[in-house]
């Protein structure tokens, strides 16, 4: 266990090379050694200070920017057993607010990331707002979010994460697969949360953070002006409960060659081989025990606009809850 408790843990695999890569453990920043050394993990002072700069960051003019909420900040350690390989920060900042405050210079100064200037330029171009009026003040999509950094083992930022705003089209013109991935997320905003990652080495990634809602309620409204009603016993009977494995299967189908055409049949066979007992009912001494629950996420990695890897994230724990349990 990397942190003081098991919060969210994912096993990460390369679908193209068909091998396990590392384990990714995540914890809210407030309960890590970056915030308070009484928590795990033990990290060298220089690395901890480097990575903490984004967690203690504030806007140059905070009164005109969205509130930064500490409870939403996360810290991730990628590791093999107890050996740390790399790190990742998770934060929710308005990219346009950062851009408007000295063209990101305040962020660069506060986080000592001048070495990522070319990366910031790529990020900005991908979410820049194209104004009809040539004299309009340059801006980025107001809903776009700066989501944090990836770090090497020394705690040096090596990549920038950004998320599109509601209804935003990334300015992607020369990467057909990435453009289709962005469109796939835009068509399914309830189930997919797409994140772009720009690396200092020139690579680009598109991360599919799949969403797992436990239930939906059917709502019947007699008028479009009618507001959402309070929960009643009758309305609660309209609840549709969903299991993680049901949603995971829909994600896999949506990415398959039969639908979205992002994963080949060979990819699908390897993905299914990673998860225990996901395709059939589990029996014990002849008695039916149930199906195996599971969760999936993906990251598509590109170099020079060519797909070089697909990462599969297998969630074993999510916010303290064990995921791969048997469904009666």
Protein backbone atom coordinates (compact mmCIF):
# COMPACT_ATOMS: atom_id res chain seq x y z
CA UNK A 1 0.00 0.00 0.00
CA UNK A 2 1.54 3.28 -1.17
CA UNK A 3 -0.62 5.72 0.80
CA UNK A 4 -1.82 5.55 4.39
CA UNK A 5 -4.96 3.76 3.16
CA UNK A 6 -6.23 2.20 -0.07
CA UNK A 7 -8.34 4.84 -1.81
CA UNK A 8 -8.28 4.42 -5.62
CA UNK A 9 -6.02 1.86 -7.30
CA UNK A 10 -5.72 0.94 -10.97
CA UNK A 11 -3.60 -1.66 -12.72
CA UNK A 12 -2.24 -0.33 -16.01
CA UNK A 13 -1.59 -2.49 -19.08
CA UNK A 14 -0.28 -1.94 -22.61
CA UNK A 15 -2.89 -3.29 -25.01
CA UNK A 16 -0.52 -3.19 -28.00
CA UNK A 17 2.40 -4.90 -26.24
CA UNK A 18 0.02 -7.05 -24.16
CA UNK A 19 1.80 -6.62 -20.84
CA UNK A 20 1.27 -5.20 -17.39
CA UNK A 21 3.11 -1.89 -16.95
CA UNK A 22 2.57 -0.58 -13.42
CA UNK A 23 0.09 0.11 -10.64
CA UNK A 24 -1.44 3.58 -10.27
CA UNK A 25 -2.49 4.56 -6.73
CA UNK A 26 -4.38 7.80 -6.05
CA UNK A 27 -5.35 9.70 -2.91
CA UNK A 28 -6.87 13.15 -2.22
CA UNK A 29 -3.99 15.61 -1.81
CA UNK A 30 -5.20 16.60 1.67
CA UNK A 31 -4.30 13.13 2.97
CA UNK A 32 -0.86 12.71 1.40
CA UNK A 33 2.64 13.57 2.53
CA UNK A 34 2.61 16.53 0.13
CA UNK A 35 0.11 18.19 2.45
CA UNK A 36 1.21 16.72 5.77
CA UNK A 37 4.25 14.51 6.39
CA UNK A 38 2.29 12.41 8.90
CA UNK A 39 0.75 10.72 5.84
CA UNK A 40 2.38 8.38 3.35
CA UNK A 41 4.24 8.13 1.02
CA UNK A 42 7.74 9.24 1.97
CA UNK A 43 9.05 11.45 -0.85
CA UNK A 44 12.31 13.39 -1.06
CA UNK A 45 11.96 17.05 -0.05
CA UNK A 46 12.96 18.46 -3.45
CA UNK A 47 10.45 16.29 -5.32
CA UNK A 48 7.71 17.01 -2.78
CA UNK A 49 8.30 20.76 -3.03
CA UNK A 50 8.28 20.65 -6.85
CA UNK A 51 4.99 18.79 -7.01
CA UNK A 52 3.36 20.85 -4.26
CA UNK A 53 3.68 24.07 -6.27
CA UNK A 54 0.54 23.37 -8.30
CA UNK A 55 -1.41 22.28 -5.20
CA UNK A 56 -0.75 25.58 -3.39
CA UNK A 57 -1.18 27.68 -6.55
CA UNK A 58 -3.67 30.55 -6.62
CA UNK A 59 -4.78 32.79 -9.47
CA UNK A 60 -3.08 36.14 -9.86
CA UNK A 61 -6.49 37.77 -9.37
CA UNK A 62 -8.49 35.15 -7.51
CA UNK A 63 -11.64 37.30 -7.20
CA UNK A 64 -12.40 36.99 -10.93
CA UNK A 65 -11.62 33.27 -11.26
CA UNK A 66 -13.49 30.14 -10.14
CA UNK A 67 -12.90 29.02 -6.56
CA UNK A 68 -10.11 26.47 -6.13
CA UNK A 69 -11.38 23.61 -3.95
CA UNK A 70 -8.75 21.66 -2.03
CA UNK A 71 -11.06 18.67 -1.58
CA UNK A 72 -10.97 18.05 -5.35
CA UNK A 73 -7.17 17.94 -5.61
CA UNK A 74 -5.63 14.49 -6.06
CA UNK A 75 -2.13 13.02 -6.07
CA UNK A 76 -1.20 9.83 -7.90
CA UNK A 77 1.84 7.55 -7.63
CA UNK A 78 2.68 5.15 -10.46
CA UNK A 79 4.67 2.27 -9.02
CA UNK A 80 5.77 -1.34 -9.23
CA UNK A 81 5.38 -2.80 -5.75
CA UNK A 82 6.96 -0.13 -3.51
CA UNK A 83 9.19 1.37 -6.22
CA UNK A 84 7.94 4.77 -7.38
CA UNK A 85 8.11 5.27 -11.16
CA UNK A 86 6.36 8.61 -11.73
CA UNK A 87 3.69 10.90 -10.30
CA UNK A 88 0.58 12.79 -11.37
CA UNK A 89 -1.35 15.73 -9.95
CA UNK A 90 -5.07 16.26 -10.34
CA UNK A 91 -6.54 19.74 -10.05
CA UNK A 92 -9.41 21.77 -11.48
CA UNK A 93 -8.39 25.22 -12.77
CA UNK A 94 -9.98 27.40 -15.43
CA UNK A 95 -7.56 27.37 -18.36
CA UNK A 96 -8.99 30.60 -19.76
CA UNK A 97 -8.50 32.34 -16.41
CA UNK A 98 -4.88 31.18 -16.41
CA UNK A 99 -4.44 32.33 -20.00
CA UNK A 100 -5.95 35.75 -19.37
CA UNK A 101 -3.55 36.37 -16.49
CA UNK A 102 -0.37 37.30 -18.37
CA UNK A 103 -0.76 34.54 -20.98
CA UNK A 104 -0.07 31.74 -18.47
CA UNK A 105 3.08 33.48 -17.22
CA UNK A 106 1.77 33.59 -13.65
CA UNK A 107 1.21 29.81 -13.71
CA UNK A 108 4.65 29.24 -15.24
CA UNK A 109 6.37 31.41 -12.63
CA UNK A 110 4.55 29.88 -9.66
CA UNK A 111 5.16 26.29 -10.77
CA UNK A 112 8.68 26.73 -12.23
CA UNK A 113 7.59 25.18 -15.54
CA UNK A 114 9.29 27.46 -18.07
CA UNK A 115 10.74 24.29 -19.63
CA UNK A 116 7.17 23.40 -20.70
CA UNK A 117 6.57 26.62 -22.65
CA UNK A 118 6.25 24.79 -25.99
CA UNK A 119 3.84 22.36 -24.36
CA UNK A 120 1.69 25.23 -23.08
CA UNK A 121 1.65 26.69 -26.60
CA UNK A 122 0.30 23.40 -27.97
CA UNK A 123 -2.31 23.18 -25.23
CA UNK A 124 -3.44 26.77 -25.81
CA UNK A 125 -3.73 26.25 -29.55
CA UNK A 126 -5.84 23.12 -29.04
CA UNK A 127 -8.50 25.00 -27.03
CA UNK A 128 -8.13 28.53 -28.35
CA UNK A 129 -11.35 30.35 -29.22
CA UNK A 130 -11.43 31.46 -32.86
CA UNK A 131 -13.14 34.86 -32.89
CA UNK A 132 -14.89 36.24 -35.95
CA UNK A 133 -13.76 39.73 -34.99
CA UNK A 134 -9.99 39.92 -35.66
CA UNK A 135 -9.67 42.64 -33.02
CA UNK A 136 -11.23 40.53 -30.26
CA UNK A 137 -9.11 39.81 -27.22
CA UNK A 138 -7.44 36.35 -27.53
CA UNK A 139 -9.05 33.77 -25.27
CA UNK A 140 -9.52 30.06 -24.70
CA UNK A 141 -12.76 28.19 -24.26
CA UNK A 142 -14.29 29.30 -20.96
CA UNK A 143 -15.23 25.75 -20.03
CA UNK A 144 -11.77 24.27 -20.65
CA UNK A 145 -9.99 22.97 -17.55
CA UNK A 146 -6.34 22.70 -16.60
CA UNK A 147 -6.20 19.27 -14.93
CA UNK A 148 -2.63 19.04 -13.63
CA UNK A 149 0.78 17.62 -14.53
CA UNK A 150 2.57 14.33 -15.04
CA UNK A 151 5.96 14.16 -13.28
CA UNK A 152 9.10 12.07 -13.55
CA UNK A 153 10.61 10.37 -10.51
CA UNK A 154 12.37 13.60 -9.46
CA UNK A 155 9.07 15.48 -9.29
CA UNK A 156 9.79 17.53 -12.44
CA UNK A 157 6.66 18.23 -14.55
CA UNK A 158 6.91 16.49 -17.93
CA UNK A 159 3.37 16.78 -19.31
CA UNK A 160 0.26 18.96 -19.06
CA UNK A 161 -3.33 17.68 -18.79
CA UNK A 162 -6.30 19.65 -20.11
CA UNK A 163 -10.00 18.90 -20.54
CA UNK A 164 -12.39 20.31 -23.11
CA UNK A 165 -15.33 22.46 -22.12
CA UNK A 166 -18.96 21.49 -22.67
CA UNK A 167 -19.59 21.33 -26.40
CA UNK A 168 -16.03 22.38 -27.26
CA UNK A 169 -14.28 20.92 -30.29
CA UNK A 170 -10.53 20.56 -29.86
CA UNK A 171 -8.54 22.29 -32.58
CA UNK A 172 -7.16 19.00 -33.88
CA UNK A 173 -6.64 18.91 -37.62
CA UNK A 174 -3.91 16.35 -38.37
CA UNK A 175 -4.74 13.42 -36.08
CA UNK A 176 -7.78 11.56 -37.35
CA UNK A 177 -7.98 9.04 -34.49
CA UNK A 178 -7.67 11.70 -31.79
CA UNK A 179 -10.32 13.81 -33.52
CA UNK A 180 -12.68 10.83 -33.50
CA UNK A 181 -11.94 10.13 -29.83
CA UNK A 182 -12.81 13.73 -28.95
CA UNK A 183 -16.04 13.46 -30.96
CA UNK A 184 -16.82 10.14 -29.25
CA UNK A 185 -16.61 11.85 -25.84
CA UNK A 186 -18.68 14.80 -27.03
CA UNK A 187 -21.48 12.45 -28.16
CA UNK A 188 -21.47 10.67 -24.79
CA UNK A 189 -20.77 13.34 -22.14
CA UNK A 190 -22.73 11.45 -19.49
CA UNK A 191 -20.50 8.38 -19.77
CA UNK A 192 -17.14 9.74 -20.99
CA UNK A 193 -14.82 12.43 -19.70
CA UNK A 194 -12.05 13.05 -22.25
CA UNK A 195 -8.66 14.45 -21.23
CA UNK A 196 -5.80 15.47 -23.51
CA UNK A 197 -2.20 15.11 -22.29
CA UNK A 198 0.65 16.99 -23.96
CA UNK A 199 4.12 15.61 -23.19
CA UNK A 200 7.42 17.47 -23.23
CA UNK A 201 8.91 14.76 -25.49
CA UNK A 202 6.35 15.56 -28.20
CA UNK A 203 3.95 12.73 -27.51
CA UNK A 204 0.25 13.40 -27.08
CA UNK A 205 -2.33 11.26 -25.30
CA UNK A 206 -6.10 11.15 -25.16
CA UNK A 207 -7.39 9.67 -21.91
CA UNK A 208 -10.92 8.25 -21.74
CA UNK A 209 -12.09 8.56 -18.14
CA UNK A 210 -15.18 6.39 -18.21
CA UNK A 211 -18.02 7.44 -15.91
CA UNK A 212 -19.86 4.93 -13.74
CA UNK A 213 -23.25 6.11 -12.53
CA UNK A 214 -25.02 3.82 -10.10
CA UNK A 215 -28.57 4.67 -11.16
CA UNK A 216 -30.87 6.83 -13.25
CA UNK A 217 -34.42 7.98 -12.67
CA UNK A 218 -37.04 8.28 -15.36
CA UNK A 219 -38.70 11.69 -15.18
CA UNK A 220 -41.98 12.54 -16.80
CA UNK A 221 -42.77 16.24 -17.09
CA UNK A 222 -46.09 17.59 -18.21
CA UNK A 223 -44.54 20.91 -19.16
CA UNK A 224 -41.08 21.96 -20.34
CA UNK A 225 -41.27 24.73 -17.74
CA UNK A 226 -41.86 22.30 -14.91
CA UNK A 227 -38.93 22.17 -12.54
CA UNK A 228 -37.36 19.00 -11.15
CA UNK A 229 -39.72 17.53 -8.57
CA UNK A 230 -38.81 16.16 -5.15
CA UNK A 231 -38.08 12.46 -4.70
CA UNK A 232 -41.18 10.38 -3.93
CA UNK A 233 -41.79 6.67 -3.47
CA UNK A 234 -43.44 6.56 -6.90
CA UNK A 235 -40.50 8.31 -8.54
CA UNK A 236 -38.03 6.09 -6.71
CA UNK A 237 -39.73 3.05 -8.26
CA UNK A 238 -38.70 4.50 -11.63
CA UNK A 239 -35.04 4.11 -10.68
CA UNK A 240 -32.88 2.14 -13.08
CA UNK A 241 -29.89 0.65 -11.29
CA UNK A 242 -26.70 -0.02 -13.22
CA UNK A 243 -23.72 -2.20 -12.42
CA UNK A 244 -20.13 -1.35 -13.25
CA UNK A 245 -19.80 -4.41 -15.48
CA UNK A 246 -22.85 -3.38 -17.51
CA UNK A 247 -21.40 0.07 -18.15
CA UNK A 248 -17.94 -1.40 -18.85
CA UNK A 249 -19.38 -3.68 -21.52
CA UNK A 250 -21.07 -0.69 -23.15
CA UNK A 251 -17.78 1.21 -23.13
CA UNK A 252 -16.00 -1.73 -24.74
CA UNK A 253 -18.71 -2.08 -27.37
CA UNK A 254 -18.58 1.65 -28.10
CA UNK A 255 -14.84 1.44 -28.74
CA UNK A 256 -14.96 -1.84 -30.66
CA UNK A 257 -14.62 -2.30 -34.41
CA UNK A 258 -18.39 -2.88 -34.53
CA UNK A 259 -19.11 0.63 -33.27
CA UNK A 260 -16.44 3.29 -32.73
CA UNK A 261 -13.63 1.37 -34.47
CA UNK A 262 -10.94 2.26 -31.92
CA UNK A 263 -10.20 -1.28 -30.72
CA UNK A 264 -9.62 -4.30 -32.97
CA UNK A 265 -10.83 -7.82 -32.27
CA UNK A 266 -7.30 -8.72 -31.15
CA UNK A 267 -7.30 -5.79 -28.71
CA UNK A 268 -10.63 -6.98 -27.34
CA UNK A 269 -9.35 -10.51 -26.75
CA UNK A 270 -6.41 -9.23 -24.71
CA UNK A 271 -8.60 -6.83 -22.71
CA UNK A 272 -11.01 -9.63 -21.85
CA UNK A 273 -8.09 -11.85 -20.80
CA UNK A 274 -6.98 -9.24 -18.25
CA UNK A 275 -10.22 -9.36 -16.26
CA UNK A 276 -11.10 -12.50 -14.27
CA UNK A 277 -14.40 -14.18 -15.06
CA UNK A 278 -16.03 -11.22 -16.79
CA UNK A 279 -17.57 -13.14 -19.68
CA UNK A 280 -19.30 -15.95 -17.84
CA UNK A 281 -21.11 -16.73 -14.63
CA UNK A 282 -18.86 -17.91 -11.80
CA UNK A 283 -19.76 -21.24 -10.19
CA UNK A 284 -18.53 -22.75 -6.92
CA UNK A 285 -19.11 -26.48 -6.34
CA UNK A 286 -21.90 -26.37 -8.88
CA UNK A 287 -23.66 -23.40 -7.29
CA UNK A 288 -24.08 -20.18 -9.21
CA UNK A 289 -22.19 -17.30 -7.57
CA UNK A 290 -22.71 -14.56 -10.14
CA UNK A 291 -20.87 -12.35 -12.60
CA UNK A 292 -17.61 -10.52 -11.91
CA UNK A 293 -17.81 -6.73 -11.61
CA UNK A 294 -15.13 -4.65 -13.35
CA UNK A 295 -14.26 -1.14 -14.54
CA UNK A 296 -12.22 0.05 -17.52
CA UNK A 297 -10.56 3.29 -18.62
CA UNK A 298 -8.26 3.90 -21.58
CA UNK A 299 -5.51 6.18 -22.81
CA UNK A 300 -4.52 6.38 -26.48
CA UNK A 301 -0.89 7.47 -26.95
CA UNK A 302 0.34 9.17 -30.14
CA UNK A 303 3.74 10.11 -31.50
CA UNK A 304 3.93 12.19 -34.68
CA UNK A 305 0.16 11.61 -34.99
CA UNK A 306 0.67 7.84 -35.13
CA UNK A 307 -0.90 5.58 -32.50
CA UNK A 308 1.98 3.98 -30.56
CA UNK A 309 0.15 2.50 -27.57
CA UNK A 310 -3.21 2.00 -25.90
CA UNK A 311 -3.19 1.92 -22.10
CA UNK A 312 -5.87 -0.07 -20.29
CA UNK A 313 -6.69 0.99 -16.72
CA UNK A 314 -8.24 -1.76 -14.61
CA UNK A 315 -9.76 -0.29 -11.44
CA UNK A 316 -9.51 -2.57 -8.42
CA UNK A 317 -10.53 0.03 -5.80
CA UNK A 318 -12.43 3.27 -6.20
CA UNK A 319 -12.78 5.69 -3.27
CA UNK A 320 -12.16 2.90 -0.72
CA UNK A 321 -14.64 0.55 -2.44
CA UNK A 322 -13.45 -2.76 -3.85
CA UNK A 323 -14.62 -3.02 -7.47
CA UNK A 324 -13.98 -6.59 -8.67
CA UNK A 325 -16.59 -8.26 -6.48
CA UNK A 326 -19.02 -10.98 -7.46
CA UNK A 327 -22.53 -9.91 -8.43
CA UNK A 328 -25.16 -12.29 -6.95
